[in-house]
C-alpha atoms as a PDB file:
ATOM      1  CA  MET A   1     113.641 137.485 150.060  1.00  0.00           C
ATOM      2  CA  HIS A   2     114.533 135.633 146.843  1.00  0.00           C
ATOM      3  CA  PRO A   3     118.224 136.170 145.905  1.00  0.00           C
ATOM      4  CA  LEU A   4     117.328 137.630 142.479  1.00  0.00           C
ATOM      5  CA  GLN A   5     114.747 139.901 144.068  1.00  0.00           C
ATOM      6  CA  LYS A   6     117.295 141.035 146.639  1.00  0.00           C
ATOM      7  CA  LYS A   7     119.892 141.746 143.929  1.00  0.00           C
ATOM      8  CA  MET A   8     117.505 143.705 141.702  1.00  0.00           C
ATOM      9  CA  SER A   9     116.022 145.601 144.631  1.00  0.00           C
ATOM     10  CA  ALA A  10     119.418 146.798 145.844  1.00  0.00           C
ATOM     11  CA  GLU A  11     120.655 147.751 142.374  1.00  0.00           C
ATOM     12  CA  MET A  12     117.456 149.569 141.414  1.00  0.00           C
ATOM     13  CA  ALA A  13     117.397 151.461 144.706  1.00  0.00           C
ATOM     14  CA  GLY A  14     120.853 152.760 143.876  1.00  0.00           C
ATOM     15  CA  GLU A  15     119.858 153.659 140.328  1.00  0.00           C
ATOM     16  CA  LEU A  16     116.787 155.521 141.596  1.00  0.00           C
ATOM     17  CA  ILE A  17     119.038 157.805 143.655  1.00  0.00           C
ATOM     18  CA  GLN A  18     121.269 158.347 140.594  1.00  0.00           C
ATOM     19  CA  ILE A  19     118.296 159.372 138.455  1.00  0.00           C
ATOM     20  CA  LEU A  20     116.895 161.700 141.119  1.00  0.00           C
ATOM     21  CA  SER A  21     120.323 163.256 141.532  1.00  0.00           C
ATOM     22  CA  TYR A  22     120.628 163.831 137.789  1.00  0.00           C
ATOM     23  CA  TRP A  23     117.281 165.600 137.520  1.00  0.00           C
ATOM     24  CA  SER A  24     117.949 167.596 140.673  1.00  0.00           C
ATOM     25  CA  THR A  25     121.180 168.999 139.250  1.00  0.00           C
ATOM     26  CA  SER A  26     120.880 168.932 135.442  1.00  0.00           C
ATOM     27  CA  ALA A  27     117.238 169.669 134.658  1.00  0.00           C
ATOM     28  CA  ILE A  28     116.465 172.903 136.508  1.00  0.00           C
ATOM     29  CA  ASP A  29     115.974 175.987 134.326  1.00  0.00           C
ATOM     30  CA  HIS A  30     117.538 178.699 136.478  1.00  0.00           C
ATOM     31  CA  LYS A  31     116.910 181.440 133.898  1.00  0.00           C
ATOM     32  CA  TYR A  32     113.279 180.994 132.829  1.00  0.00           C
ATOM     33  CA  GLY A  33     111.844 178.853 135.623  1.00  0.00           C
ATOM     34  CA  GLY A  34     110.695 175.291 135.856  1.00  0.00           C
ATOM     35  CA  PHE A  35     112.777 172.683 134.080  1.00  0.00           C
ATOM     36  CA  LEU A  36     114.775 172.571 130.859  1.00  0.00           C
ATOM     37  CA  GLY A  37     113.133 171.077 127.809  1.00  0.00           C
ATOM     38  CA  GLU A  38     116.107 169.097 126.538  1.00  0.00           C
ATOM     39  CA  ARG A  39     119.745 168.137 127.004  1.00  0.00           C
ATOM     40  CA  ASP A  40     121.779 166.364 124.326  1.00  0.00           C
ATOM     41  CA  PHE A  41     123.654 163.062 124.441  1.00  0.00           C
ATOM     42  CA  TYR A  42     126.692 164.756 126.000  1.00  0.00           C
ATOM     43  CA  ASN A  43     124.440 166.346 128.657  1.00  0.00           C
ATOM     44  CA  MET A  44     124.797 169.804 127.152  1.00  0.00           C
ATOM     45  CA  GLN A  45     121.745 172.052 127.362  1.00  0.00           C
ATOM     46  CA  VAL A  46     119.892 172.412 124.065  1.00  0.00           C
ATOM     47  CA  PRO A  47     119.306 176.184 123.766  1.00  0.00           C
ATOM     48  CA  GLU A  48     115.705 177.374 123.588  1.00  0.00           C
ATOM     49  CA  ALA A  49     114.252 173.838 123.637  1.00  0.00           C
ATOM     50  CA  PRO A  50     110.454 173.863 124.074  1.00  0.00           C
ATOM     51  CA  LYS A  51     108.836 172.525 127.246  1.00  0.00           C
ATOM     52  CA  GLY A  52     106.286 169.732 126.885  1.00  0.00           C
ATOM     53  CA  ILE A  53     103.476 168.832 129.254  1.00  0.00           C
ATOM     54  CA  ILE A  54     104.367 165.124 129.336  1.00  0.00           C
ATOM     55  CA  LEU A  55     107.903 165.850 130.541  1.00  0.00           C
ATOM     56  CA  ASN A  56     106.739 168.397 133.096  1.00  0.00           C
ATOM     57  CA  SER A  57     103.857 166.354 134.487  1.00  0.00           C
ATOM     58  CA  ARG A  58     106.162 163.351 134.775  1.00  0.00           C
ATOM     59  CA  ILE A  59     108.691 165.434 136.681  1.00  0.00           C
ATOM     60  CA  LEU A  60     105.999 166.327 139.229  1.00  0.00           C
ATOM     61  CA  TRP A  61     104.908 162.695 139.481  1.00  0.00           C
ATOM     62  CA  SER A  62     108.471 161.370 139.728  1.00  0.00           C
ATOM     63  CA  PHE A  63     109.688 163.586 142.538  1.00  0.00           C
ATOM     64  CA  SER A  64     106.377 163.187 144.384  1.00  0.00           C
ATOM     65  CA  ALA A  65     106.370 159.395 143.993  1.00  0.00           C
ATOM     66  CA  ALA A  66     110.018 159.194 145.050  1.00  0.00           C
ATOM     67  CA  SER A  67     109.259 161.321 148.090  1.00  0.00           C
ATOM     68  CA  ASN A  68     106.341 159.068 149.012  1.00  0.00           C
ATOM     69  CA  HIS A  69     108.322 155.875 148.414  1.00  0.00           C
ATOM     70  CA  LEU A  70     111.436 157.001 150.274  1.00  0.00           C
ATOM     71  CA  GLN A  71     109.423 158.869 152.912  1.00  0.00           C
ATOM     72  CA  THR A  72     111.630 161.914 152.593  1.00  0.00           C
ATOM     73  CA  ASN A  73     111.258 165.681 152.266  1.00  0.00           C
ATOM     74  CA  GLU A  74     114.570 165.940 150.415  1.00  0.00           C
ATOM     75  CA  TYR A  75     112.826 166.654 147.105  1.00  0.00           C
ATOM     76  CA  LYS A  76     110.058 168.887 148.460  1.00  0.00           C
ATOM     77  CA  THR A  77     111.481 172.034 146.846  1.00  0.00           C
ATOM     78  CA  LEU A  78     111.527 170.329 143.442  1.00  0.00           C
ATOM     79  CA  CYS A  79     107.988 168.983 143.889  1.00  0.00           C
ATOM     80  CA  ASP A  80     106.733 172.455 144.759  1.00  0.00           C
ATOM     81  CA  ARG A  81     108.731 174.057 141.929  1.00  0.00           C
ATOM     82  CA  SER A  82     107.196 171.650 139.421  1.00  0.00           C
ATOM     83  CA  PHE A  83     103.640 172.134 140.702  1.00  0.00           C
ATOM     84  CA  GLN A  84     103.956 175.919 140.695  1.00  0.00           C
ATOM     85  CA  TYR A  85     105.397 176.042 137.168  1.00  0.00           C
ATOM     86  CA  LEU A  86     102.643 173.791 135.819  1.00  0.00           C
ATOM     87  CA  GLN A  87     100.025 175.909 137.527  1.00  0.00           C
ATOM     88  CA  LYS A  88     101.432 179.216 136.275  1.00  0.00           C
ATOM     89  CA  TYR A  89     102.357 178.332 132.689  1.00  0.00           C
ATOM     90  CA  PHE A  90     100.683 175.116 131.506  1.00  0.00           C
ATOM     91  CA  ARG A  91      97.237 175.654 133.017  1.00  0.00           C
ATOM     92  CA  ASP A  92      94.638 177.028 130.615  1.00  0.00           C
ATOM     93  CA  GLU A  93      92.750 179.517 132.763  1.00  0.00           C
ATOM     94  CA  LYS A  94      90.146 180.172 130.063  1.00  0.00           C
ATOM     95  CA  TYR A  95      89.120 176.694 128.891  1.00  0.00           C
ATOM     96  CA  GLY A  96      90.594 174.448 131.568  1.00  0.00           C
ATOM     97  CA  GLY A  97      93.062 171.607 131.301  1.00  0.00           C
ATOM     98  CA  VAL A  98      96.702 171.953 130.253  1.00  0.00           C
ATOM     99  CA  TYR A  99      98.450 172.993 127.051  1.00  0.00           C
ATOM    100  CA  TRP A 100     100.505 170.489 125.082  1.00  0.00           C
ATOM    101  CA  GLU A 101     103.658 172.602 124.716  1.00  0.00           C
ATOM    102  CA  LEU A 102     105.309 175.885 125.728  1.00  0.00           C
ATOM    103  CA  ASP A 103     108.352 177.624 124.330  1.00  0.00           C
ATOM    104  CA  TYR A 104     111.505 177.888 126.438  1.00  0.00           C
ATOM    105  CA  GLN A 105     110.230 181.079 128.092  1.00  0.00           C
ATOM    106  CA  GLY A 106     106.906 179.532 129.100  1.00  0.00           C
ATOM    107  CA  ARG A 107     104.702 180.916 126.332  1.00  0.00           C
ATOM    108  CA  PRO A 108     102.101 178.463 124.921  1.00  0.00           C
ATOM    109  CA  VAL A 109     102.966 177.317 121.388  1.00  0.00           C
ATOM    110  CA  ASN A 110     100.708 174.258 121.052  1.00  0.00           C
ATOM    111  CA  LEU A 111      97.355 174.774 122.757  1.00  0.00           C
ATOM    112  CA  ARG A 112      95.642 171.498 121.854  1.00  0.00           C
ATOM    113  CA  LYS A 113      94.032 169.336 124.541  1.00  0.00           C
ATOM    114  CA  GLN A 114      95.450 165.841 124.285  1.00  0.00           C
ATOM    115  CA  VAL A 115      93.527 163.565 126.676  1.00  0.00           C
ATOM    116  CA  TYR A 116      96.745 161.585 127.205  1.00  0.00           C
ATOM    117  CA  ALA A 117      98.307 164.765 128.643  1.00  0.00           C
ATOM    118  CA  GLN A 118      95.303 165.610 130.819  1.00  0.00           C
ATOM    119  CA  ALA A 119      95.506 162.088 132.251  1.00  0.00           C
ATOM    120  CA  PHE A 120      99.177 162.525 133.096  1.00  0.00           C
ATOM    121  CA  MET A 121      98.314 165.696 134.988  1.00  0.00           C
ATOM    122  CA  ILE A 122      95.719 163.848 137.089  1.00  0.00           C
ATOM    123  CA  TYR A 123      98.291 161.130 137.760  1.00  0.00           C
ATOM    124  CA  ALA A 124     100.920 163.686 138.813  1.00  0.00           C
ATOM    125  CA  LEU A 125      98.604 165.921 140.839  1.00  0.00           C
ATOM    126  CA  SER A 126      97.128 163.037 142.837  1.00  0.00           C
ATOM    127  CA  GLU A 127     100.645 161.769 143.634  1.00  0.00           C
ATOM    128  CA  TYR A 128     101.731 165.279 144.638  1.00  0.00           C
ATOM    129  CA  TYR A 129      98.630 165.566 146.832  1.00  0.00           C
ATOM    130  CA  ILE A 130      99.551 162.321 148.626  1.00  0.00           C
ATOM    131  CA  PHE A 131     102.951 163.861 149.379  1.00  0.00           C
ATOM    132  CA  SER A 132     102.090 167.504 150.063  1.00  0.00           C
ATOM    133  CA  LYS A 133      98.446 167.367 151.225  1.00  0.00           C
ATOM    134  CA  ASN A 134      98.061 170.602 149.241  1.00  0.00           C
ATOM    135  CA  PRO A 135      94.284 170.896 148.653  1.00  0.00           C
ATOM    136  CA  LEU A 136      94.891 172.918 145.459  1.00  0.00           C
ATOM    137  CA  ALA A 137      96.530 169.860 143.873  1.00  0.00           C
ATOM    138  CA  LEU A 138      93.508 167.628 144.516  1.00  0.00           C
ATOM    139  CA  GLN A 139      91.153 170.405 143.445  1.00  0.00           C
ATOM    140  CA  TRP A 140      92.983 170.784 140.140  1.00  0.00           C
ATOM    141  CA  ALA A 141      93.093 167.004 139.572  1.00  0.00           C
ATOM    142  CA  LEU A 142      89.323 166.823 140.075  1.00  0.00           C
ATOM    143  CA  GLU A 143      88.820 169.769 137.743  1.00  0.00           C
ATOM    144  CA  ILE A 144      90.709 167.999 134.933  1.00  0.00           C
ATOM    145  CA  TYR A 145      88.877 164.753 135.684  1.00  0.00           C
ATOM    146  CA  GLY A 146      85.598 166.655 135.260  1.00  0.00           C
ATOM    147  CA  LEU A 147      86.753 168.077 131.916  1.00  0.00           C
ATOM    148  CA  ILE A 148      87.716 164.647 130.594  1.00  0.00           C
ATOM    149  CA  GLU A 149      84.339 163.259 131.602  1.00  0.00           C
ATOM    150  CA  LYS A 150      82.493 166.271 130.143  1.00  0.00           C
ATOM    151  CA  TYR A 151      84.246 166.504 126.785  1.00  0.00           C
ATOM    152  CA  ALA A 152      86.170 163.301 126.062  1.00  0.00           C
ATOM    153  CA  ASN A 153      83.811 160.629 127.393  1.00  0.00           C
ATOM    154  CA  ASP A 154      81.901 159.301 124.368  1.00  0.00           C
ATOM    155  CA  ARG A 155      78.315 158.924 125.616  1.00  0.00           C
ATOM    156  CA  LYS A 156      77.231 157.143 122.427  1.00  0.00           C
ATOM    157  CA  PHE A 157      79.890 154.464 121.907  1.00  0.00           C
ATOM    158  CA  GLY A 158      81.786 154.559 125.195  1.00  0.00           C
ATOM    159  CA  GLY A 159      85.427 155.245 125.888  1.00  0.00           C
ATOM    160  CA  TYR A 160      87.473 158.409 125.471  1.00  0.00           C
ATOM    161  CA  THR A 161      88.233 160.468 122.373  1.00  0.00           C
ATOM    162  CA  GLU A 162      91.933 161.159 121.836  1.00  0.00           C
ATOM    163  CA  ALA A 163      92.286 164.920 121.316  1.00  0.00           C
ATOM    164  CA  PHE A 164      90.585 168.300 121.026  1.00  0.00           C
ATOM    165  CA  ALA A 165      91.316 171.902 120.174  1.00  0.00           C
ATOM    166  CA  ARG A 166      92.084 174.366 122.957  1.00  0.00           C
ATOM    167  CA  ASP A 167      88.365 175.037 123.565  1.00  0.00           C
ATOM    168  CA  TRP A 168      87.566 171.282 123.602  1.00  0.00           C
ATOM    169  CA  SER A 169      86.026 171.369 120.137  1.00  0.00           C
ATOM    170  CA  ASN A 170      86.713 168.489 117.740  1.00  0.00           C
ATOM    171  CA  ILE A 171      89.834 168.360 115.555  1.00  0.00           C
ATOM    172  CA  ASP A 172      90.733 166.237 112.530  1.00  0.00           C
ATOM    173  CA  ASP A 173      94.296 165.228 113.432  1.00  0.00           C
ATOM    174  CA  MET A 174      94.268 163.568 116.852  1.00  0.00           C
ATOM    175  CA  ARG A 175      97.672 161.849 116.775  1.00  0.00           C
ATOM    176  CA  LEU A 176     100.128 162.039 119.656  1.00  0.00           C
ATOM    177  CA  SER A 177     102.991 161.778 117.153  1.00  0.00           C
ATOM    178  CA  GLU A 178     103.555 161.270 113.441  1.00  0.00           C
ATOM    179  CA  LYS A 179     104.104 157.528 113.876  1.00  0.00           C
ATOM    180  CA  ASP A 180     100.673 157.005 115.468  1.00  0.00           C
ATOM    181  CA  ALA A 181      97.500 156.154 113.571  1.00  0.00           C
ATOM    182  CA  ASN A 182      94.998 159.013 113.413  1.00  0.00           C
ATOM    183  CA  GLU A 183      92.204 157.158 115.203  1.00  0.00           C
ATOM    184  CA  ALA A 184      89.739 158.363 117.810  1.00  0.00           C
ATOM    185  CA  LYS A 185      90.344 155.742 120.503  1.00  0.00           C
ATOM    186  CA  PRO A 186      93.905 154.502 120.962  1.00  0.00           C
ATOM    187  CA  MET A 187      94.765 151.929 123.600  1.00  0.00           C
ATOM    188  CA  ASN A 188      97.621 154.079 124.941  1.00  0.00           C
ATOM    189  CA  THR A 189      95.401 157.008 125.909  1.00  0.00           C
ATOM    190  CA  HIS A 190      92.859 154.723 127.592  1.00  0.00           C
ATOM    191  CA  LEU A 191      95.702 153.032 129.461  1.00  0.00           C
ATOM    192  CA  HIS A 192      96.884 156.340 130.903  1.00  0.00           C
ATOM    193  CA  VAL A 193      93.347 157.441 131.768  1.00  0.00           C
ATOM    194  CA  LEU A 194      93.059 154.119 133.643  1.00  0.00           C
ATOM    195  CA  GLU A 195      96.396 154.788 135.370  1.00  0.00           C
ATOM    196  CA  ALA A 196      95.395 158.346 136.290  1.00  0.00           C
ATOM    197  CA  TYR A 197      91.957 157.372 137.583  1.00  0.00           C
ATOM    198  CA  THR A 198      93.529 154.582 139.673  1.00  0.00           C
ATOM    199  CA  ASN A 199      95.785 157.080 141.424  1.00  0.00           C
ATOM    200  CA  LEU A 200      93.005 159.649 141.800  1.00  0.00           C
ATOM    201  CA  TYR A 201      90.728 157.022 143.369  1.00  0.00           C
ATOM    202  CA  ARG A 202      93.316 156.486 146.094  1.00  0.00           C
ATOM    203  CA  VAL A 203      92.614 160.006 147.360  1.00  0.00           C
ATOM    204  CA  HIS A 204      89.051 160.545 146.113  1.00  0.00           C
ATOM    205  CA  ARG A 205      86.757 157.535 146.534  1.00  0.00           C
ATOM    206  CA  GLU A 206      83.826 158.667 144.449  1.00  0.00           C
ATOM    207  CA  LYS A 207      81.196 156.274 143.024  1.00  0.00           C
ATOM    208  CA  ALA A 208      81.268 157.824 139.549  1.00  0.00           C
ATOM    209  CA  LEU A 209      85.057 157.518 139.409  1.00  0.00           C
ATOM    210  CA  GLU A 210      84.859 153.911 140.589  1.00  0.00           C
ATOM    211  CA  SER A 211      82.299 153.229 137.860  1.00  0.00           C
ATOM    212  CA  GLN A 212      84.597 154.623 135.151  1.00  0.00           C
ATOM    213  CA  LEU A 213      87.519 152.602 136.469  1.00  0.00           C
ATOM    214  CA  ARG A 214      85.432 149.441 136.304  1.00  0.00           C
ATOM    215  CA  PHE A 215      84.333 150.338 132.771  1.00  0.00           C
ATOM    216  CA  LEU A 216      87.961 150.846 131.693  1.00  0.00           C
ATOM    217  CA  ILE A 217      89.149 147.557 133.197  1.00  0.00           C
ATOM    218  CA  GLU A 218      86.350 145.659 131.464  1.00  0.00           C
ATOM    219  CA  LYS A 219      87.000 147.523 128.194  1.00  0.00           C
ATOM    220  CA  PHE A 220      90.623 146.442 128.293  1.00  0.00           C
ATOM    221  CA  LEU A 221      89.747 142.818 129.035  1.00  0.00           C
ATOM    222  CA  ASN A 222      86.870 142.556 126.538  1.00  0.00           C
ATOM    223  CA  THR A 223      87.760 144.944 123.695  1.00  0.00           C
ATOM    224  CA  PHE A 224      91.411 145.986 123.653  1.00  0.00           C
ATOM    225  CA  TYR A 225      92.665 142.503 124.580  1.00  0.00           C
ATOM    226  CA  ASP A 226      92.673 139.886 121.838  1.00  0.00           C
ATOM    227  CA  ASN A 227      92.155 136.590 123.633  1.00  0.00           C
ATOM    228  CA  LYS A 228      93.439 134.637 120.622  1.00  0.00           C
ATOM    229  CA  THR A 229      96.772 136.397 120.159  1.00  0.00           C
ATOM    230  CA  LYS A 230      97.224 137.429 123.842  1.00  0.00           C
ATOM    231  CA  HIS A 231      98.056 140.975 122.713  1.00  0.00           C
ATOM    232  CA  PHE A 232      96.302 144.329 123.017  1.00  0.00           C
ATOM    233  CA  ASN A 233      95.071 146.036 119.867  1.00  0.00           C
ATOM    234  CA  LEU A 234      96.431 149.577 119.716  1.00  0.00           C
ATOM    235  CA  PHE A 235      94.041 151.624 117.574  1.00  0.00           C
ATOM    236  CA  PHE A 236      90.258 151.779 117.244  1.00  0.00           C
ATOM    237  CA  ASN A 237      87.903 154.155 115.487  1.00  0.00           C
ATOM    238  CA  GLU A 238      84.983 155.859 117.179  1.00  0.00           C
ATOM    239  CA  GLN A 239      82.743 152.773 116.818  1.00  0.00           C
ATOM    240  CA  TRP A 240      85.421 150.455 118.287  1.00  0.00           C
ATOM    241  CA  GLN A 241      86.516 148.849 115.042  1.00  0.00           C
ATOM    242  CA  VAL A 242      90.136 147.687 115.143  1.00  0.00           C
ATOM    243  CA  LYS A 243      92.470 149.693 112.915  1.00  0.00           C
ATOM    244  CA  GLY A 244      95.785 147.979 112.240  1.00  0.00           C
ATOM    245  CA  LYS A 245      97.434 144.965 113.832  1.00  0.00           C
ATOM    246  CA  ILE A 246     100.737 146.363 115.111  1.00  0.00           C
ATOM    247  CA  ILE A 247     101.850 144.715 118.373  1.00  0.00           C
ATOM    248  CA  SER A 248     103.605 146.893 120.951  1.00  0.00           C
ATOM    249  CA  TYR A 249     105.392 144.689 123.463  1.00  0.00           C
ATOM    250  CA  GLY A 250     105.928 147.548 125.909  1.00  0.00           C
ATOM    251  CA  HIS A 251     102.248 148.452 125.959  1.00  0.00           C
ATOM    252  CA  ASP A 252     101.250 144.792 126.385  1.00  0.00           C
ATOM    253  CA  ILE A 253     103.305 144.241 129.520  1.00  0.00           C
ATOM    254  CA  GLU A 254     102.577 147.729 130.886  1.00  0.00           C
ATOM    255  CA  ALA A 255      98.828 147.174 130.641  1.00  0.00           C
ATOM    256  CA  ALA A 256      99.140 143.813 132.405  1.00  0.00           C
ATOM    257  CA  TRP A 257     100.251 145.297 135.721  1.00  0.00           C
ATOM    258  CA  LEU A 258      98.275 148.558 135.493  1.00  0.00           C
ATOM    259  CA  LEU A 259      95.044 146.571 135.142  1.00  0.00           C
ATOM    260  CA  ILE A 260      95.880 144.620 138.296  1.00  0.00           C
ATOM    261  CA  GLU A 261      96.475 147.865 140.206  1.00  0.00           C
ATOM    262  CA  ALA A 262      93.165 149.314 139.002  1.00  0.00           C
ATOM    263  CA  ALA A 263      91.242 146.186 140.055  1.00  0.00           C
ATOM    264  CA  LYS A 264      92.942 146.222 143.451  1.00  0.00           C
ATOM    265  CA  VAL A 265      92.219 149.882 144.159  1.00  0.00           C
ATOM    266  CA  ILE A 266      88.455 149.411 143.658  1.00  0.00           C
ATOM    267  CA  GLN A 267      88.670 146.120 145.600  1.00  0.00           C
ATOM    268  CA  ASP A 268      86.744 144.111 143.021  1.00  0.00           C
ATOM    269  CA  LYS A 269      87.607 140.454 143.746  1.00  0.00           C
ATOM    270  CA  ASN A 270      86.331 139.151 140.408  1.00  0.00           C
ATOM    271  CA  LEU A 271      88.292 141.740 138.401  1.00  0.00           C
ATOM    272  CA  ILE A 272      91.400 141.065 140.497  1.00  0.00           C
ATOM    273  CA  ILE A 273      91.168 137.402 139.444  1.00  0.00           C
ATOM    274  CA  LEU A 274      90.487 138.229 135.775  1.00  0.00           C
ATOM    275  CA  THR A 275      93.278 140.795 135.491  1.00  0.00           C
ATOM    276  CA  GLY A 276      95.688 138.400 137.171  1.00  0.00           C
ATOM    277  CA  GLU A 277      94.801 135.630 134.719  1.00  0.00           C
ATOM    278  CA  ALA A 278      95.252 137.997 131.781  1.00  0.00           C
ATOM    279  CA  ALA A 279      98.567 139.249 133.164  1.00  0.00           C
ATOM    280  CA  LEU A 280     100.002 135.718 133.233  1.00  0.00           C
ATOM    281  CA  GLN A 281      98.826 135.052 129.669  1.00  0.00           C
ATOM    282  CA  ILE A 282     100.400 138.311 128.516  1.00  0.00           C
ATOM    283  CA  ALA A 283     103.639 137.612 130.393  1.00  0.00           C
ATOM    284  CA  ASP A 284     103.979 134.148 128.812  1.00  0.00           C
ATOM    285  CA  THR A 285     103.350 135.513 125.315  1.00  0.00           C
ATOM    286  CA  PHE A 286     105.736 138.381 125.989  1.00  0.00           C
ATOM    287  CA  MET A 287     108.532 136.021 127.034  1.00  0.00           C
ATOM    288  CA  ASN A 288     107.988 133.897 123.913  1.00  0.00           C
ATOM    289  CA  GLU A 289     107.908 136.782 121.435  1.00  0.00           C
ATOM    290  CA  ALA A 290     109.354 140.059 122.700  1.00  0.00           C
ATOM    291  CA  LEU A 291     112.929 139.285 123.688  1.00  0.00           C
ATOM    292  CA  GLY A 292     115.863 139.822 121.347  1.00  0.00           C
ATOM    293  CA  LYS A 293     118.942 137.625 121.243  1.00  0.00           C
ATOM    294  CA  ASP A 294     120.722 140.217 123.407  1.00  0.00           C
ATOM    295  CA  GLY A 295     118.122 139.827 126.157  1.00  0.00           C
ATOM    296  CA  GLY A 296     116.473 143.205 125.597  1.00  0.00           C
ATOM    297  CA  VAL A 297     112.828 143.892 124.796  1.00  0.00           C
ATOM    298  CA  CYS A 298     112.091 144.541 121.122  1.00  0.00           C
ATOM    299  CA  ASN A 299     109.854 147.455 120.203  1.00  0.00           C
ATOM    300  CA  GLU A 300     107.070 146.232 117.894  1.00  0.00           C
ATOM    301  CA  PHE A 301     105.948 143.449 115.578  1.00  0.00           C
ATOM    302  CA  ASN A 302     103.783 143.762 112.475  1.00  0.00           C
ATOM    303  CA  PRO A 303     101.988 140.421 111.959  1.00  0.00           C
ATOM    304  CA  GLU A 304     100.755 141.539 108.522  1.00  0.00           C
ATOM    305  CA  THR A 305     104.299 142.018 107.142  1.00  0.00           C
ATOM    306  CA  GLY A 306     106.157 139.704 109.519  1.00  0.00           C
ATOM    307  CA  ILE A 307     108.602 142.519 110.323  1.00  0.00           C
ATOM    308  CA  LEU A 308     109.996 142.706 113.856  1.00  0.00           C
ATOM    309  CA  ASP A 309     111.233 146.125 115.020  1.00  0.00           C
ATOM    310  CA  THR A 310     114.265 145.110 117.066  1.00  0.00           C
ATOM    311  CA  ASP A 311     115.023 148.603 118.401  1.00  0.00           C
ATOM    312  CA  LYS A 312     115.446 148.582 122.189  1.00  0.00           C
ATOM    313  CA  HIS A 313     113.802 151.630 123.768  1.00  0.00           C
ATOM    314  CA  TRP A 314     114.322 152.261 127.478  1.00  0.00           C
ATOM    315  CA  TRP A 315     110.685 152.303 128.584  1.00  0.00           C
ATOM    316  CA  PRO A 316     109.605 148.784 127.441  1.00  0.00           C
ATOM    317  CA  GLN A 317     112.521 147.355 129.430  1.00  0.00           C
ATOM    318  CA  VAL A 318     111.244 149.036 132.605  1.00  0.00           C
ATOM    319  CA  GLU A 319     107.601 148.104 132.013  1.00  0.00           C
ATOM    320  CA  ALA A 320     108.690 144.515 131.342  1.00  0.00           C
ATOM    321  CA  ILE A 321     110.605 144.287 134.604  1.00  0.00           C
ATOM    322  CA  ILE A 322     107.571 145.531 136.539  1.00  0.00           C
ATOM    323  CA  GLY A 323     105.088 143.342 134.657  1.00  0.00           C
ATOM    324  CA  LEU A 324     107.203 140.210 135.029  1.00  0.00           C
ATOM    325  CA  VAL A 325     107.708 140.786 138.748  1.00  0.00           C
ATOM    326  CA  TYR A 326     103.913 141.039 139.071  1.00  0.00           C
ATOM    327  CA  ALA A 327     103.627 137.724 137.193  1.00  0.00           C
ATOM    328  CA  TRP A 328     106.174 136.158 139.562  1.00  0.00           C
ATOM    329  CA  GLN A 329     104.289 137.446 142.614  1.00  0.00           C
ATOM    330  CA  LEU A 330     101.023 136.036 141.233  1.00  0.00           C
ATOM    331  CA  SER A 331     102.324 132.625 140.168  1.00  0.00           C
ATOM    332  CA  LYS A 332     105.481 132.125 142.288  1.00  0.00           C
ATOM    333  CA  GLU A 333     107.078 130.759 139.099  1.00  0.00           C
ATOM    334  CA  GLU A 334     110.758 131.712 139.056  1.00  0.00           C
ATOM    335  CA  LYS A 335     110.906 132.001 135.244  1.00  0.00           C
ATOM    336  CA  TYR A 336     109.259 135.433 135.421  1.00  0.00           C
ATOM    337  CA  LEU A 337     111.709 136.778 137.990  1.00  0.00           C
ATOM    338  CA  ALA A 338     114.656 135.350 136.073  1.00  0.00           C
ATOM    339  CA  CYS A 339     113.467 137.029 132.875  1.00  0.00           C
ATOM    340  CA  ALA A 340     112.976 140.349 134.685  1.00  0.00           C
ATOM    341  CA  ASN A 341     116.523 140.092 136.040  1.00  0.00           C
ATOM    342  CA  SER A 342     117.890 139.351 132.554  1.00  0.00           C
ATOM    343  CA  ILE A 343     116.161 142.459 131.153  1.00  0.00           C
ATOM    344  CA  TRP A 344     117.534 144.511 134.038  1.00  0.00           C
ATOM    345  CA  ASP A 345     121.044 143.268 133.229  1.00  0.00           C
ATOM    346  CA  PHE A 346     120.544 144.285 129.578  1.00  0.00           C
ATOM    347  CA  THR A 347     119.357 147.708 130.744  1.00  0.00           C
ATOM    348  CA  LYS A 348     122.359 148.217 133.020  1.00  0.00           C
ATOM    349  CA  ASN A 349     124.808 147.232 130.297  1.00  0.00           C
ATOM    350  CA  ASN A 350     123.247 149.106 127.383  1.00  0.00           C
ATOM    351  CA  LEU A 351     120.842 151.866 128.377  1.00  0.00           C
ATOM    352  CA  ILE A 352     122.247 153.498 131.515  1.00  0.00           C
ATOM    353  CA  ASP A 353     124.698 156.221 130.457  1.00  0.00           C
ATOM    354  CA  LYS A 354     127.462 155.928 133.032  1.00  0.00           C
ATOM    355  CA  ILE A 355     129.479 158.757 131.422  1.00  0.00           C
ATOM    356  CA  ASN A 356     126.972 161.534 130.715  1.00  0.00           C
ATOM    357  CA  GLY A 357     124.266 160.605 133.200  1.00  0.00           C
ATOM    358  CA  GLU A 358     120.686 159.362 132.905  1.00  0.00           C
ATOM    359  CA  TRP A 359     119.768 156.688 130.341  1.00  0.00           C
END
């Protein structure tokens, strides 16, 4: 094993246990069930914080993935707790899918159907199924997959529409957050549908699912990816016209490795080659543009104004480490591993909260 790889592997293994320990002890809602919606910087519970589907689906995925990776039953109770809470409170028994947000007591307060959220549920449920072999988890994942294909798959122009009302009817404001463009087909949602379908295909090898995965990979390579700039465009309208030129470095490097995983899971040799080539192009561009003087990954760049957003969010650092390790494994060029290690050092020194826990 390469010395840098050995160092990072050992340190990250230790940090994984720290994170799992934090969530096992600090996140459980003993009064109302499930998990708390929020804790503040000092790790104090924020009273009556709402509970979002992204947080809760990621909790199910995280403990399930950790259990699968570590080959342990230590977190089984938390996996089951998460699955049961999602099933009881987030599941829309009338129209299918999951709600966007509950209040602290588990009552739905935002009933919209964000395709991004439905994808995260498929991702979490398929991972939980790998761990638990609970047939209800796979059944529910396939149910949500069917709803996405029925309502969100655009039969006319291709791709997936961003959001719907509770009953899957169209809505005007489809944004995930106020900072996002209100466009029908964002790259981020398609990326997480790709991620979810990749994981679902591992446990459900269906031709139609394989076909959609292939479509998504090709859409990323041929439409989302700008071969001139070596970046992914973030927002498109219904007819696939680009809207805005903002560059998100975290999404660039995240897509690079997720596309490789999708190509590998359907065992398409040509797409494995193409996604690998794209990943190396993206990694080189990323290393030239995305890193701040402190070694951390900057957030965004607007080529129209020339303004670089130098904020350092936690998630682009993690995606960069993964994406650069993939580039190193593909090319055997040490520069990628060295850069990943540098970003990990920045993360350890600046983002991990050694006093209050978590990051």
